[in-house]
């Protein structure tokens, strides 16, 4: 049963509009930003910002399987995921789900289970699915296309996590035993699978353009993951994969921008001050204007924290927050969110102007997170 639409006017806050922070009021009604409302809320001491649009996050895996092999009911895990997303200001979340030879929660069976769980329940946060397809896994190409068609999945990213160099040299890839345990295979069977996929890689590459064409025909957004060079980006673009996710080098990021392709980087990279595995630092690329969006990657608090770090480091708030709101929405062609303007969805983050604590979040005008003094004001208690 859906909640009745809220009609609220927030007074006394600073609102992040196109031209920057403005001392003005904002109203929401019927799920949208409007010019009228039936109830006033004292929002003094708060910043009101566009809801965060997160285009790539796999933090949901921890809620769906708190321990290895201990999978919960997918919908229960998604409810817990939704609560974490809301507490961190995320109003649109694209769940990055693998369809990989890794198996387990990253295998094709679980991808289909997760898609069905999303379709079988309603959520206040806008939850969507991204399919991360391992391009060496040719036997699931048709299955991936069927899943995209059945659930209108809007975004597919091509990955290649095979340890080609180690396999070609006859060495055991790193983390082999851990991967095997997650997949439910013995280490020997898992290694045999990796060798087979490596040996058949050329055949997979020959089949990939047909799949990419079928996905493009469905208006699916295509991206490539971890491009290491301009040549990697060129090959991806030839497939129609015009979104560059987490390029590993400046060369790859520059090649994407020169071609007019959007670049997505991980917000944890900004928060940490660099990549956790020694790849290029996102802040340097941002300073050069090479980044269009930041995403949660593996940590849902990171987008909010990264935008604040950039703002405190001297970047304009509109530009910094735009990397987690307007920028991602623009990449996906979602014109109804990512900004604050009359007629758009009422996806809003209310942040304490001093502590920068997120105290309230609205998704399409519904409360998804509420705490602290603002909660007291909204429910009629002490201000």
Foldseek 3Di string as FASTA:
>chain_A
DDDAFAWEKEAAEFEQAPVGTDRDIWIDTQQFTADGGDYYFHQHQKYKYFAFAFAEEAQLVCLQAVDQPRGDQLLRSVVVVLLLLFQQRHQHHEHEAACDPLAASNHLVVVLSNLVSPVVDDDQRHYAYEYEYELLPQVCLVVVLVSCVVRVHQEYEYEHPQPLVCLVVVHQDPCLCVSCSSRVHHSVVSNVVSNVSSVCVVVSVVCLLVSLVSCVVSVHAYAYEAAAALVSLVVCVVSVRLEYEAHQDPRNLVSSVVVVGAYEYELVLQVVVHDPVPGGRVVVCVVVVSHQAYHNYHHSNRLLNNLVVVVVVPDRSSVSLLNRFVSVCVNSVNPQGRRHDGPHGPFMWMARNPPRRTAWTHHSNHTSHHDDPSVCSVVVHDD
